[in-house]
Amino acid sequence: MLVTRTALVFAAATAAVALGTASAAAQTDNVPPTVGGGSGILVDSHVGCTLTTIGRDSAQRLVGLTAGHCGQPGATVVVEGDPDGAAVGRFVYSDHTLDYAVIEFDSARVTPVNQVGGTTITGLGGPASFPNVVCKRGSTSGTSCGVVWGDVRATATETWTQMCVMKGDSGAPVVIGSTLVGMVNAYLGVGCFGPEVGTNISAIMNDLNARGDIGAGYQPL
């Protein structure tokens, strides 16, 4: 499955700086970790994936999306890099046809944001098409962009692009500007030389709304 990066913590140069760092850490111990589209997540404490987006459904539940192959219903979610390593949500639905999953978050345990690493999500859009250029934010490879090839297999649910994707990037948001148009699901190649295959966010929303369960009526922050 997908392995995420390990955060590196550097020691302070002087005792005074070290003391200040310790005090700052103590002050932020009770602040919930931030999470948004592009954040790294650990599923059942060991499977590394990327959150596609976070927002509210029609019942005002705090929910997010990621790739379906990242976990099964009941799997717990931890924010990558959170020093507490506490579960902040759980998988409530996983679809292996469209390869997406719904996560319900505990609002008291996370600080939801709509911007991660320069990628901002303010709305949902239809499938991208050639010759658009889309970008993704993955927890492993960061931000990369590439040309859209389109729905090569004519499934009406997926789009192929020429973006660099690595292990840990599954679920990464695919955007045009600040509009979410898809998620990263697979990479058909070696390194960054093959096409990325992702599910269209419009297909996911149609399925979510038809089910009428947790996640229906979803809107990003």
N, C-alpha and C. Protein backbone atom coordinates (compact mmCIF):
# COMPACT_ATOMS: atom_id res chain seq x y z
N MET A 1 0.86 -1.17 0.00
CA MET A 1 0.00 0.00 0.00
C MET A 1 0.90 1.23 0.00
N LEU A 2 0.44 2.34 0.49
CA LEU A 2 1.15 3.58 0.29
C LEU A 2 1.87 4.01 1.54
N VAL A 3 3.15 4.36 1.38
CA VAL A 3 3.98 4.74 2.51
C VAL A 3 4.23 6.23 2.46
N THR A 4 4.03 6.93 3.56
CA THR A 4 4.19 8.37 3.58
C THR A 4 5.56 8.77 4.10
N ARG A 5 5.89 10.05 3.94
CA ARG A 5 7.16 10.56 4.41
C ARG A 5 7.18 10.72 5.91
N THR A 6 8.37 10.67 6.51
CA THR A 6 8.53 10.88 7.95
C THR A 6 8.97 12.32 8.18
N ALA A 7 8.27 13.01 9.08
CA ALA A 7 8.61 14.40 9.37
C ALA A 7 9.93 14.46 10.14
N LEU A 8 10.78 15.43 9.81
CA LEU A 8 12.07 15.59 10.48
C LEU A 8 11.98 16.76 11.45
N VAL A 9 12.41 16.54 12.69
CA VAL A 9 12.37 17.60 13.71
C VAL A 9 13.81 17.96 14.08
N PHE A 10 14.18 19.20 13.95
CA PHE A 10 15.56 19.62 14.21
C PHE A 10 15.69 20.21 15.61
N ALA A 11 16.81 19.90 16.28
CA ALA A 11 17.07 20.41 17.63
C ALA A 11 17.36 21.90 17.58
N ALA A 12 17.02 22.61 18.63
CA ALA A 12 17.29 24.05 18.71
C ALA A 12 18.78 24.27 18.90
N ALA A 13 19.29 25.40 18.43
CA ALA A 13 20.72 25.66 18.47
C ALA A 13 21.21 26.03 19.87
N THR A 14 20.36 26.67 20.67
CA THR A 14 20.77 27.10 22.01
C THR A 14 19.74 26.67 23.02
N ALA A 15 20.12 26.70 24.30
CA ALA A 15 19.19 26.32 25.36
C ALA A 15 18.00 27.25 25.40
N ALA A 16 18.23 28.54 25.14
CA ALA A 16 17.14 29.51 25.18
C ALA A 16 16.13 29.22 24.09
N VAL A 17 16.63 28.92 22.90
CA VAL A 17 15.73 28.59 21.79
C VAL A 17 14.98 27.32 22.09
N ALA A 18 15.68 26.33 22.67
CA ALA A 18 15.04 25.07 23.02
C ALA A 18 13.92 25.28 24.00
N LEU A 19 14.16 26.17 25.00
CA LEU A 19 13.14 26.45 26.00
C LEU A 19 11.93 27.11 25.36
N GLY A 20 12.19 28.05 24.43
CA GLY A 20 11.09 28.72 23.75
C GLY A 20 10.29 27.75 22.92
N THR A 21 10.97 26.83 22.24
CA THR A 21 10.29 25.83 21.42
C THR A 21 9.42 24.95 22.27
N ALA A 22 9.95 24.54 23.44
CA ALA A 22 9.17 23.69 24.34
C ALA A 22 7.92 24.40 24.82
N SER A 23 8.07 25.70 25.14
CA SER A 23 6.90 26.47 25.60
C SER A 23 5.86 26.58 24.52
N ALA A 24 6.30 26.84 23.27
CA ALA A 24 5.36 26.96 22.16
C ALA A 24 4.63 25.65 21.95
N ALA A 25 5.38 24.53 22.06
CA ALA A 25 4.76 23.22 21.88
C ALA A 25 3.70 22.98 22.95
N ALA A 26 4.03 23.39 24.19
CA ALA A 26 3.08 23.18 25.29
C ALA A 26 1.79 23.95 25.05
N GLN A 27 1.93 25.15 24.44
CA GLN A 27 0.76 25.98 24.20
C GLN A 27 -0.12 25.42 23.10
N THR A 28 0.44 24.60 22.22
CA THR A 28 -0.33 24.10 21.08
C THR A 28 -0.72 22.63 21.24
N ASP A 29 -0.43 22.07 22.44
CA ASP A 29 -0.74 20.66 22.66
C ASP A 29 -2.20 20.34 22.44
N ASN A 30 -3.08 21.29 22.79
CA ASN A 30 -4.51 21.03 22.72
C ASN A 30 -5.16 21.52 21.43
N VAL A 31 -4.35 22.00 20.50
CA VAL A 31 -4.90 22.49 19.23
C VAL A 31 -5.04 21.31 18.27
N PRO A 32 -6.24 21.07 17.76
CA PRO A 32 -6.43 19.93 16.84
C PRO A 32 -5.60 20.12 15.57
N PRO A 33 -5.11 19.04 14.98
CA PRO A 33 -4.32 19.15 13.75
C PRO A 33 -5.17 19.66 12.60
N THR A 34 -4.55 20.42 11.70
CA THR A 34 -5.26 20.90 10.52
C THR A 34 -5.30 19.79 9.47
N VAL A 35 -6.39 19.75 8.73
CA VAL A 35 -6.53 18.74 7.68
C VAL A 35 -7.36 19.32 6.55
N GLY A 36 -6.96 19.04 5.32
CA GLY A 36 -7.68 19.53 4.15
C GLY A 36 -7.28 18.73 2.92
N GLY A 37 -7.81 19.10 1.78
CA GLY A 37 -7.48 18.41 0.55
C GLY A 37 -5.99 18.50 0.25
N GLY A 38 -5.31 17.36 0.23
CA GLY A 38 -3.87 17.33 0.05
C GLY A 38 -3.12 16.91 1.30
N SER A 39 -3.83 16.80 2.43
CA SER A 39 -3.19 16.36 3.68
C SER A 39 -2.91 14.86 3.64
N GLY A 40 -1.81 14.47 4.25
CA GLY A 40 -1.51 13.05 4.38
C GLY A 40 -2.31 12.44 5.51
N ILE A 41 -2.82 11.24 5.30
CA ILE A 41 -3.55 10.53 6.34
C ILE A 41 -3.00 9.12 6.47
N LEU A 42 -3.11 8.57 7.68
CA LEU A 42 -2.75 7.18 7.93
C LEU A 42 -4.03 6.43 8.26
N VAL A 43 -4.26 5.35 7.56
CA VAL A 43 -5.46 4.55 7.74
C VAL A 43 -5.10 3.32 8.58
N ASP A 44 -5.83 3.14 9.68
CA ASP A 44 -5.52 2.07 10.64
C ASP A 44 -4.05 2.12 11.05
N SER A 45 -3.55 3.36 11.13
CA SER A 45 -2.20 3.66 11.64
C SER A 45 -1.04 3.19 10.78
N HIS A 46 -1.31 2.65 9.57
CA HIS A 46 -0.18 2.20 8.77
C HIS A 46 -0.30 2.43 7.27
N VAL A 47 -1.50 2.54 6.74
CA VAL A 47 -1.67 2.75 5.30
C VAL A 47 -1.67 4.25 5.00
N GLY A 48 -0.72 4.71 4.20
CA GLY A 48 -0.61 6.12 3.89
C GLY A 48 -1.35 6.49 2.62
N CYS A 49 -2.21 7.49 2.71
CA CYS A 49 -2.95 8.01 1.56
C CYS A 49 -3.06 9.52 1.69
N THR A 50 -3.79 10.15 0.78
CA THR A 50 -3.97 11.59 0.78
C THR A 50 -5.46 11.90 0.81
N LEU A 51 -5.85 12.88 1.62
CA LEU A 51 -7.24 13.31 1.66
C LEU A 51 -7.55 14.15 0.43
N THR A 52 -8.66 13.85 -0.22
CA THR A 52 -9.06 14.58 -1.42
C THR A 52 -9.62 15.95 -1.08
N THR A 53 -10.51 15.99 -0.09
CA THR A 53 -11.20 17.22 0.26
C THR A 53 -11.91 17.02 1.59
N ILE A 54 -12.23 18.12 2.26
CA ILE A 54 -13.00 18.06 3.49
C ILE A 54 -14.05 19.16 3.46
N GLY A 55 -15.22 18.87 4.01
CA GLY A 55 -16.31 19.84 4.00
C GLY A 55 -17.51 19.30 4.75
N ARG A 56 -18.69 19.78 4.40
CA ARG A 56 -19.91 19.40 5.10
C ARG A 56 -20.89 18.77 4.12
N ASP A 57 -21.62 17.77 4.62
CA ASP A 57 -22.70 17.20 3.80
C ASP A 57 -24.00 17.91 4.13
N SER A 58 -25.10 17.44 3.56
CA SER A 58 -26.38 18.14 3.72
C SER A 58 -26.88 18.12 5.17
N ALA A 59 -26.36 17.18 5.97
CA ALA A 59 -26.73 17.11 7.38
C ALA A 59 -25.71 17.84 8.26
N GLN A 60 -24.80 18.58 7.63
CA GLN A 60 -23.76 19.36 8.31
C GLN A 60 -22.75 18.50 9.05
N ARG A 61 -22.64 17.24 8.64
CA ARG A 61 -21.57 16.41 9.18
C ARG A 61 -20.25 16.79 8.52
N LEU A 62 -19.15 16.73 9.27
CA LEU A 62 -17.83 17.01 8.72
C LEU A 62 -17.31 15.74 8.06
N VAL A 63 -17.18 15.76 6.75
CA VAL A 63 -16.79 14.56 6.01
C VAL A 63 -15.68 14.88 5.01
N GLY A 64 -14.99 13.85 4.60
CA GLY A 64 -13.94 13.99 3.61
C GLY A 64 -13.95 12.80 2.66
N LEU A 65 -13.16 12.91 1.61
CA LEU A 65 -13.06 11.84 0.62
C LEU A 65 -11.61 11.43 0.45
N THR A 66 -11.41 10.17 0.06
CA THR A 66 -10.10 9.69 -0.35
C THR A 66 -10.34 8.50 -1.28
N ALA A 67 -9.27 7.85 -1.72
CA ALA A 67 -9.42 6.71 -2.62
C ALA A 67 -10.02 5.52 -1.89
N GLY A 68 -10.86 4.76 -2.58
CA GLY A 68 -11.55 3.64 -1.97
C GLY A 68 -10.63 2.51 -1.55
N HIS A 69 -9.51 2.33 -2.28
CA HIS A 69 -8.61 1.24 -1.93
C HIS A 69 -7.77 1.53 -0.69
N CYS A 70 -7.93 2.74 -0.12
CA CYS A 70 -7.15 3.11 1.06
C CYS A 70 -7.70 2.47 2.34
N GLY A 71 -8.99 2.10 2.37
CA GLY A 71 -9.53 1.52 3.59
C GLY A 71 -10.96 1.06 3.44
N GLN A 72 -11.38 0.26 4.42
CA GLN A 72 -12.73 -0.28 4.46
C GLN A 72 -13.54 0.43 5.54
N PRO A 73 -14.88 0.34 5.49
CA PRO A 73 -15.70 0.94 6.54
C PRO A 73 -15.25 0.49 7.93
N GLY A 74 -15.14 1.46 8.83
CA GLY A 74 -14.68 1.18 10.18
C GLY A 74 -13.21 1.47 10.40
N ALA A 75 -12.44 1.61 9.32
CA ALA A 75 -11.02 1.92 9.46
C ALA A 75 -10.84 3.31 10.08
N THR A 76 -9.86 3.44 10.95
CA THR A 76 -9.61 4.71 11.62
C THR A 76 -8.66 5.57 10.81
N VAL A 77 -8.74 6.89 11.03
CA VAL A 77 -7.94 7.85 10.29
C VAL A 77 -7.14 8.71 11.26
N VAL A 78 -5.84 8.82 11.01
CA VAL A 78 -4.94 9.68 11.77
C VAL A 78 -4.32 10.67 10.80
N VAL A 79 -4.17 11.92 11.24
CA VAL A 79 -3.53 12.93 10.40
C VAL A 79 -2.03 12.70 10.41
N GLU A 80 -1.43 12.58 9.24
CA GLU A 80 0.01 12.37 9.13
C GLU A 80 0.77 13.51 9.80
N GLY A 81 1.74 13.14 10.64
CA GLY A 81 2.54 14.14 11.31
C GLY A 81 1.97 14.63 12.62
N ASP A 82 0.76 14.20 12.98
CA ASP A 82 0.17 14.61 14.26
C ASP A 82 0.94 13.92 15.38
N PRO A 83 1.60 14.69 16.27
CA PRO A 83 2.41 14.07 17.32
C PRO A 83 1.60 13.20 18.27
N ASP A 84 0.31 13.50 18.41
CA ASP A 84 -0.52 12.69 19.31
C ASP A 84 -0.90 11.35 18.68
N GLY A 85 -0.99 11.32 17.36
CA GLY A 85 -1.35 10.09 16.67
C GLY A 85 -2.72 9.58 17.02
N ALA A 86 -3.62 10.50 17.38
CA ALA A 86 -4.97 10.10 17.78
C ALA A 86 -5.88 9.98 16.57
N ALA A 87 -6.79 9.03 16.62
CA ALA A 87 -7.77 8.88 15.54
C ALA A 87 -8.68 10.09 15.50
N VAL A 88 -8.88 10.64 14.31
CA VAL A 88 -9.71 11.84 14.15
C VAL A 88 -10.96 11.57 13.33
N GLY A 89 -11.09 10.37 12.79
CA GLY A 89 -12.25 10.03 11.98
C GLY A 89 -12.23 8.56 11.61
N ARG A 90 -13.24 8.16 10.84
CA ARG A 90 -13.31 6.76 10.43
C ARG A 90 -13.96 6.67 9.05
N PHE A 91 -13.62 5.62 8.33
CA PHE A 91 -14.23 5.33 7.05
C PHE A 91 -15.68 4.86 7.29
N VAL A 92 -16.61 5.47 6.59
CA VAL A 92 -18.00 5.04 6.73
C VAL A 92 -18.54 4.39 5.46
N TYR A 93 -17.82 4.55 4.36
CA TYR A 93 -18.25 3.94 3.10
C TYR A 93 -17.04 3.83 2.18
N SER A 94 -16.95 2.72 1.45
CA SER A 94 -15.86 2.54 0.49
C SER A 94 -16.42 1.87 -0.76
N ASP A 95 -16.24 2.54 -1.88
CA ASP A 95 -16.77 2.06 -3.16
C ASP A 95 -15.61 1.60 -4.04
N HIS A 96 -15.61 0.33 -4.42
CA HIS A 96 -14.48 -0.18 -5.19
C HIS A 96 -14.71 -0.16 -6.69
N THR A 97 -15.89 0.28 -7.11
CA THR A 97 -16.13 0.47 -8.54
C THR A 97 -15.58 1.82 -8.98
N LEU A 98 -15.95 2.86 -8.27
CA LEU A 98 -15.43 4.19 -8.55
C LEU A 98 -14.14 4.47 -7.77
N ASP A 99 -13.81 3.61 -6.83
CA ASP A 99 -12.60 3.72 -6.03
C ASP A 99 -12.56 5.02 -5.23
N TYR A 100 -13.60 5.26 -4.45
CA TYR A 100 -13.60 6.40 -3.53
C TYR A 100 -14.14 5.95 -2.19
N ALA A 101 -13.79 6.69 -1.16
CA ALA A 101 -14.26 6.39 0.19
C ALA A 101 -14.69 7.66 0.88
N VAL A 102 -15.64 7.52 1.80
CA VAL A 102 -16.14 8.64 2.60
C VAL A 102 -15.62 8.48 4.02
N ILE A 103 -15.07 9.55 4.55
CA ILE A 103 -14.57 9.58 5.94
C ILE A 103 -15.43 10.56 6.73
N GLU A 104 -15.91 10.14 7.89
CA GLU A 104 -16.60 11.06 8.79
C GLU A 104 -15.61 11.47 9.88
N PHE A 105 -15.39 12.78 10.00
CA PHE A 105 -14.43 13.30 10.96
C PHE A 105 -15.12 13.73 12.25
N ASP A 106 -14.37 13.69 13.33
CA ASP A 106 -14.81 14.23 14.62
C ASP A 106 -14.46 15.71 14.62
N SER A 107 -15.45 16.57 14.59
CA SER A 107 -15.22 18.02 14.49
C SER A 107 -14.38 18.56 15.63
N ALA A 108 -14.40 17.90 16.77
CA ALA A 108 -13.64 18.37 17.92
C ALA A 108 -12.16 17.99 17.84
N ARG A 109 -11.82 17.11 16.90
CA ARG A 109 -10.46 16.60 16.85
C ARG A 109 -9.64 17.08 15.67
N VAL A 110 -10.24 17.87 14.77
CA VAL A 110 -9.49 18.41 13.63
C VAL A 110 -9.86 19.87 13.40
N THR A 111 -8.95 20.56 12.75
CA THR A 111 -9.21 21.92 12.27
C THR A 111 -9.26 21.84 10.74
N PRO A 112 -10.45 21.84 10.15
CA PRO A 112 -10.56 21.70 8.70
C PRO A 112 -10.15 22.98 7.98
N VAL A 113 -9.43 22.82 6.86
CA VAL A 113 -8.98 23.97 6.06
C VAL A 113 -9.23 23.67 4.59
N ASN A 114 -9.30 24.72 3.78
CA ASN A 114 -9.50 24.52 2.35
C ASN A 114 -8.24 24.76 1.54
N GLN A 115 -7.10 24.95 2.24
CA GLN A 115 -5.84 25.15 1.54
C GLN A 115 -4.73 24.34 2.22
N VAL A 116 -4.03 23.55 1.42
CA VAL A 116 -2.89 22.76 1.91
C VAL A 116 -1.75 22.89 0.90
N GLY A 117 -0.63 23.41 1.36
CA GLY A 117 0.55 23.49 0.49
C GLY A 117 0.34 24.26 -0.79
N GLY A 118 -0.45 25.30 -0.77
CA GLY A 118 -0.69 26.09 -1.97
C GLY A 118 -1.84 25.62 -2.82
N THR A 119 -2.43 24.45 -2.51
CA THR A 119 -3.60 23.97 -3.23
C THR A 119 -4.85 24.37 -2.45
N THR A 120 -5.71 25.13 -3.11
CA THR A 120 -6.95 25.61 -2.48
C THR A 120 -8.14 25.00 -3.19
N ILE A 121 -9.13 24.56 -2.41
CA ILE A 121 -10.35 23.99 -2.97
C ILE A 121 -11.55 24.80 -2.50
N THR A 122 -12.22 25.45 -3.44
CA THR A 122 -13.38 26.27 -3.09
C THR A 122 -14.66 25.79 -3.76
N GLY A 123 -14.56 24.86 -4.71
CA GLY A 123 -15.75 24.41 -5.42
C GLY A 123 -15.51 23.09 -6.13
N LEU A 124 -16.59 22.54 -6.66
CA LEU A 124 -16.55 21.27 -7.38
C LEU A 124 -16.87 21.52 -8.85
N GLY A 125 -16.22 20.77 -9.74
CA GLY A 125 -16.45 20.98 -11.17
C GLY A 125 -16.55 19.69 -11.95
N GLY A 126 -16.90 19.82 -13.21
CA GLY A 126 -17.04 18.68 -14.10
C GLY A 126 -15.69 18.16 -14.55
N PRO A 127 -15.67 17.06 -15.29
CA PRO A 127 -14.41 16.45 -15.73
C PRO A 127 -13.56 17.39 -16.57
N ALA A 128 -12.26 17.31 -16.38
CA ALA A 128 -11.34 18.09 -17.20
C ALA A 128 -11.16 17.37 -18.55
N SER A 129 -10.81 18.14 -19.56
CA SER A 129 -10.63 17.55 -20.90
C SER A 129 -9.41 18.16 -21.57
N PHE A 130 -8.91 17.46 -22.58
CA PHE A 130 -7.77 17.93 -23.35
C PHE A 130 -8.14 19.25 -24.03
N PRO A 131 -7.24 20.25 -24.02
CA PRO A 131 -5.86 20.27 -23.55
C PRO A 131 -5.70 20.99 -22.21
N ASN A 132 -6.69 20.88 -21.31
CA ASN A 132 -6.56 21.50 -19.99
C ASN A 132 -5.30 20.99 -19.28
N VAL A 133 -4.80 21.79 -18.37
CA VAL A 133 -3.72 21.38 -17.47
C VAL A 133 -4.28 21.35 -16.07
N VAL A 134 -4.12 20.22 -15.39
CA VAL A 134 -4.59 20.07 -14.02
C VAL A 134 -3.40 19.89 -13.08
N CYS A 135 -3.64 20.12 -11.79
CA CYS A 135 -2.60 19.94 -10.78
C CYS A 135 -3.14 19.08 -9.64
N LYS A 136 -2.24 18.39 -8.97
CA LYS A 136 -2.63 17.59 -7.81
C LYS A 136 -1.70 17.91 -6.65
N ARG A 137 -2.22 17.66 -5.43
CA ARG A 137 -1.41 17.83 -4.23
C ARG A 137 -1.38 16.50 -3.48
N GLY A 138 -0.26 15.79 -3.54
CA GLY A 138 -0.14 14.50 -2.89
C GLY A 138 0.72 14.57 -1.66
N SER A 139 0.45 13.71 -0.68
CA SER A 139 1.21 13.76 0.56
C SER A 139 2.65 13.30 0.37
N THR A 140 2.94 12.53 -0.68
CA THR A 140 4.30 12.07 -0.93
C THR A 140 5.05 12.97 -1.90
N SER A 141 4.47 13.22 -3.05
CA SER A 141 5.19 13.94 -4.11
C SER A 141 4.87 15.42 -4.19
N GLY A 142 3.98 15.90 -3.31
CA GLY A 142 3.67 17.32 -3.31
C GLY A 142 2.82 17.72 -4.51
N THR A 143 3.12 18.90 -5.05
CA THR A 143 2.33 19.44 -6.15
C THR A 143 2.98 19.12 -7.49
N SER A 144 2.18 18.63 -8.43
CA SER A 144 2.64 18.45 -9.81
C SER A 144 1.46 18.71 -10.73
N CYS A 145 1.78 19.11 -11.94
CA CYS A 145 0.75 19.45 -12.92
C CYS A 145 1.02 18.73 -14.23
N GLY A 146 0.00 18.60 -15.05
CA GLY A 146 0.18 17.97 -16.34
C GLY A 146 -1.04 18.12 -17.23
N VAL A 147 -0.83 17.81 -18.49
CA VAL A 147 -1.91 17.93 -19.47
C VAL A 147 -2.94 16.83 -19.26
N VAL A 148 -4.18 17.12 -19.60
CA VAL A 148 -5.27 16.15 -19.49
C VAL A 148 -5.42 15.42 -20.82
N TRP A 149 -5.45 14.08 -20.75
CA TRP A 149 -5.69 13.28 -21.95
C TRP A 149 -7.17 13.00 -22.15
N GLY A 150 -7.93 13.00 -21.06
CA GLY A 150 -9.37 12.78 -21.16
C GLY A 150 -9.77 11.40 -20.68
N ASP A 151 -10.98 11.00 -21.03
CA ASP A 151 -11.53 9.70 -20.64
C ASP A 151 -11.14 8.68 -21.70
N VAL A 152 -9.95 8.12 -21.58
CA VAL A 152 -9.38 7.25 -22.61
C VAL A 152 -10.24 6.01 -22.84
N ARG A 153 -10.81 5.46 -21.77
CA ARG A 153 -11.59 4.23 -21.89
C ARG A 153 -13.09 4.47 -22.03
N ALA A 154 -13.47 5.74 -22.13
CA ALA A 154 -14.88 6.11 -22.34
C ALA A 154 -15.80 5.51 -21.26
N THR A 155 -15.36 5.63 -20.01
CA THR A 155 -16.16 5.11 -18.90
C THR A 155 -17.14 6.15 -18.35
N ALA A 156 -16.92 7.41 -18.69
CA ALA A 156 -17.70 8.54 -18.17
C ALA A 156 -17.49 8.75 -16.68
N THR A 157 -16.47 8.10 -16.11
CA THR A 157 -16.21 8.26 -14.67
C THR A 157 -14.77 8.61 -14.37
N GLU A 158 -13.86 8.49 -15.33
CA GLU A 158 -12.44 8.70 -15.04
C GLU A 158 -11.79 9.61 -16.07
N THR A 159 -10.65 10.19 -15.66
CA THR A 159 -9.87 11.05 -16.55
C THR A 159 -8.39 10.68 -16.41
N TRP A 160 -7.69 10.60 -17.53
CA TRP A 160 -6.27 10.30 -17.55
C TRP A 160 -5.49 11.62 -17.72
N THR A 161 -4.41 11.75 -16.97
CA THR A 161 -3.59 12.96 -17.04
C THR A 161 -2.11 12.58 -17.06
N GLN A 162 -1.27 13.58 -17.34
CA GLN A 162 0.17 13.34 -17.35
C GLN A 162 0.80 14.02 -16.14
N MET A 163 0.39 13.61 -14.94
CA MET A 163 0.95 14.17 -13.71
C MET A 163 1.84 13.14 -13.02
N CYS A 164 2.85 13.63 -12.31
CA CYS A 164 3.70 12.76 -11.51
C CYS A 164 2.96 12.34 -10.25
N VAL A 165 2.88 11.02 -10.02
CA VAL A 165 2.19 10.48 -8.85
C VAL A 165 3.05 9.37 -8.25
N MET A 166 3.10 9.31 -6.92
CA MET A 166 3.90 8.30 -6.23
C MET A 166 3.09 7.63 -5.13
N LYS A 167 3.67 6.59 -4.53
CA LYS A 167 2.99 5.93 -3.42
C LYS A 167 2.70 6.94 -2.32
N GLY A 168 1.48 6.87 -1.77
CA GLY A 168 1.06 7.81 -0.75
C GLY A 168 0.18 8.92 -1.30
N ASP A 169 0.17 9.06 -2.65
CA ASP A 169 -0.63 10.12 -3.29
C ASP A 169 -2.06 9.69 -3.60
N SER A 170 -2.41 8.42 -3.38
CA SER A 170 -3.77 7.97 -3.68
C SER A 170 -4.79 8.82 -2.92
N GLY A 171 -5.78 9.31 -3.65
CA GLY A 171 -6.78 10.18 -3.06
C GLY A 171 -6.49 11.65 -3.25
N ALA A 172 -5.30 11.98 -3.72
CA ALA A 172 -4.91 13.39 -3.86
C ALA A 172 -5.91 14.17 -4.71
N PRO A 173 -6.20 15.41 -4.32
CA PRO A 173 -7.12 16.23 -5.11
C PRO A 173 -6.52 16.63 -6.44
N VAL A 174 -7.34 16.59 -7.50
CA VAL A 174 -6.95 17.06 -8.82
C VAL A 174 -7.77 18.32 -9.09
N VAL A 175 -7.09 19.42 -9.34
CA VAL A 175 -7.78 20.71 -9.43
C VAL A 175 -7.42 21.46 -10.70
N ILE A 176 -8.36 22.31 -11.11
CA ILE A 176 -8.09 23.37 -12.09
C ILE A 176 -8.33 24.66 -11.34
N GLY A 177 -7.27 25.40 -11.07
CA GLY A 177 -7.40 26.57 -10.20
C GLY A 177 -7.77 26.10 -8.81
N SER A 178 -8.91 26.58 -8.29
CA SER A 178 -9.38 26.15 -6.97
C SER A 178 -10.61 25.25 -7.09
N THR A 179 -10.86 24.74 -8.30
CA THR A 179 -12.01 23.86 -8.52
C THR A 179 -11.56 22.40 -8.52
N LEU A 180 -12.16 21.61 -7.64
CA LEU A 180 -11.85 20.18 -7.55
C LEU A 180 -12.56 19.45 -8.68
N VAL A 181 -11.80 18.74 -9.52
CA VAL A 181 -12.40 18.03 -10.65
C VAL A 181 -12.20 16.52 -10.56
N GLY A 182 -11.34 16.04 -9.66
CA GLY A 182 -11.11 14.60 -9.55
C GLY A 182 -10.21 14.25 -8.40
N MET A 183 -9.93 12.94 -8.28
CA MET A 183 -8.97 12.45 -7.29
C MET A 183 -8.01 11.48 -7.96
N VAL A 184 -6.82 11.36 -7.40
CA VAL A 184 -5.82 10.42 -7.90
C VAL A 184 -6.17 9.01 -7.43
N ASN A 185 -6.17 8.04 -8.36
CA ASN A 185 -6.47 6.66 -8.00
C ASN A 185 -5.40 5.66 -8.42
N ALA A 186 -4.73 5.89 -9.55
CA ALA A 186 -3.75 4.92 -10.03
C ALA A 186 -2.73 5.60 -10.93
N TYR A 187 -1.62 4.90 -11.13
CA TYR A 187 -0.57 5.41 -12.01
C TYR A 187 -0.09 4.27 -12.89
N LEU A 188 -0.25 4.42 -14.18
CA LEU A 188 0.06 3.34 -15.11
C LEU A 188 1.42 3.57 -15.76
N GLY A 189 2.47 3.32 -15.02
CA GLY A 189 3.80 3.52 -15.56
C GLY A 189 4.86 3.35 -14.51
N VAL A 190 6.09 3.74 -14.84
CA VAL A 190 7.22 3.65 -13.94
C VAL A 190 7.69 5.06 -13.62
N GLY A 191 7.87 5.35 -12.33
CA GLY A 191 8.27 6.69 -11.93
C GLY A 191 7.19 7.69 -12.32
N CYS A 192 7.60 8.74 -13.02
CA CYS A 192 6.65 9.77 -13.44
C CYS A 192 6.48 9.78 -14.96
N PHE A 193 6.62 8.62 -15.59
CA PHE A 193 6.59 8.58 -17.04
C PHE A 193 5.29 8.00 -17.61
N GLY A 194 4.41 7.52 -16.76
CA GLY A 194 3.16 6.96 -17.25
C GLY A 194 1.99 7.85 -16.88
N PRO A 195 0.83 7.63 -17.47
CA PRO A 195 -0.32 8.47 -17.16
C PRO A 195 -0.92 8.16 -15.79
N GLU A 196 -1.48 9.19 -15.17
CA GLU A 196 -2.25 9.04 -13.93
C GLU A 196 -3.70 8.84 -14.29
N VAL A 197 -4.38 7.96 -13.57
CA VAL A 197 -5.80 7.71 -13.78
C VAL A 197 -6.56 8.13 -12.52
N GLY A 198 -7.56 8.97 -12.69
CA GLY A 198 -8.31 9.45 -11.54
C GLY A 198 -9.80 9.44 -11.78
N THR A 199 -10.56 9.33 -10.69
CA THR A 199 -12.01 9.35 -10.77
C THR A 199 -12.51 10.79 -10.80
N ASN A 200 -13.46 11.07 -11.69
CA ASN A 200 -14.04 12.40 -11.78
C ASN A 200 -14.86 12.70 -10.53
N ILE A 201 -14.69 13.88 -9.97
CA ILE A 201 -15.43 14.24 -8.76
C ILE A 201 -16.93 14.29 -9.04
N SER A 202 -17.32 14.61 -10.27
CA SER A 202 -18.75 14.66 -10.61
C SER A 202 -19.38 13.27 -10.52
N ALA A 203 -18.64 12.24 -10.92
CA ALA A 203 -19.15 10.87 -10.82
C ALA A 203 -19.30 10.46 -9.35
N ILE A 204 -18.34 10.88 -8.53
CA ILE A 204 -18.42 10.57 -7.09
C ILE A 204 -19.61 11.27 -6.46
N MET A 205 -19.80 12.55 -6.78
CA MET A 205 -20.93 13.29 -6.20
C MET A 205 -22.26 12.68 -6.63
N ASN A 206 -22.36 12.27 -7.87
CA ASN A 206 -23.60 11.65 -8.34
C ASN A 206 -23.91 10.38 -7.55
N ASP A 207 -22.87 9.59 -7.29
CA ASP A 207 -23.06 8.35 -6.54
C ASP A 207 -23.40 8.64 -5.08
N LEU A 208 -22.69 9.59 -4.48
CA LEU A 208 -22.97 9.96 -3.09
C LEU A 208 -24.41 10.43 -2.92
N ASN A 209 -24.84 11.30 -3.80
CA ASN A 209 -26.19 11.85 -3.68
C ASN A 209 -27.25 10.80 -3.94
N ALA A 210 -26.98 9.88 -4.85
CA ALA A 210 -27.95 8.81 -5.13
C ALA A 210 -28.10 7.88 -3.94
N ARG A 211 -27.02 7.66 -3.19
CA ARG A 211 -27.07 6.81 -2.02
C ARG A 211 -27.85 7.47 -0.88
N GLY A 212 -27.74 8.79 -0.76
CA GLY A 212 -28.49 9.52 0.26
C GLY A 212 -28.04 9.26 1.68
N ASP A 213 -26.80 8.83 1.86
CA ASP A 213 -26.30 8.53 3.19
C ASP A 213 -25.24 9.58 3.57
N ILE A 214 -24.38 9.24 4.51
CA ILE A 214 -23.34 10.18 4.95
C ILE A 214 -22.51 10.63 3.74
N GLY A 215 -22.40 11.94 3.60
CA GLY A 215 -21.68 12.51 2.47
C GLY A 215 -22.58 13.09 1.39
N ALA A 216 -23.85 12.69 1.38
CA ALA A 216 -24.78 13.23 0.37
C ALA A 216 -24.91 14.73 0.54
N GLY A 217 -24.94 15.43 -0.59
CA GLY A 217 -25.03 16.90 -0.56
C GLY A 217 -23.73 17.56 -0.18
N TYR A 218 -22.61 16.87 -0.33
CA TYR A 218 -21.31 17.38 0.08
C TYR A 218 -20.94 18.69 -0.62
N GLN A 219 -20.37 19.59 0.17
CA GLN A 219 -19.77 20.82 -0.35
C GLN A 219 -18.47 21.09 0.38
N PRO A 220 -17.42 21.50 -0.34
CA PRO A 220 -16.15 21.83 0.34
C PRO A 220 -16.31 23.08 1.19
N LEU A 221 -15.35 23.32 2.05
CA LEU A 221 -15.40 24.48 2.95
C LEU A 221 -15.42 25.78 2.16
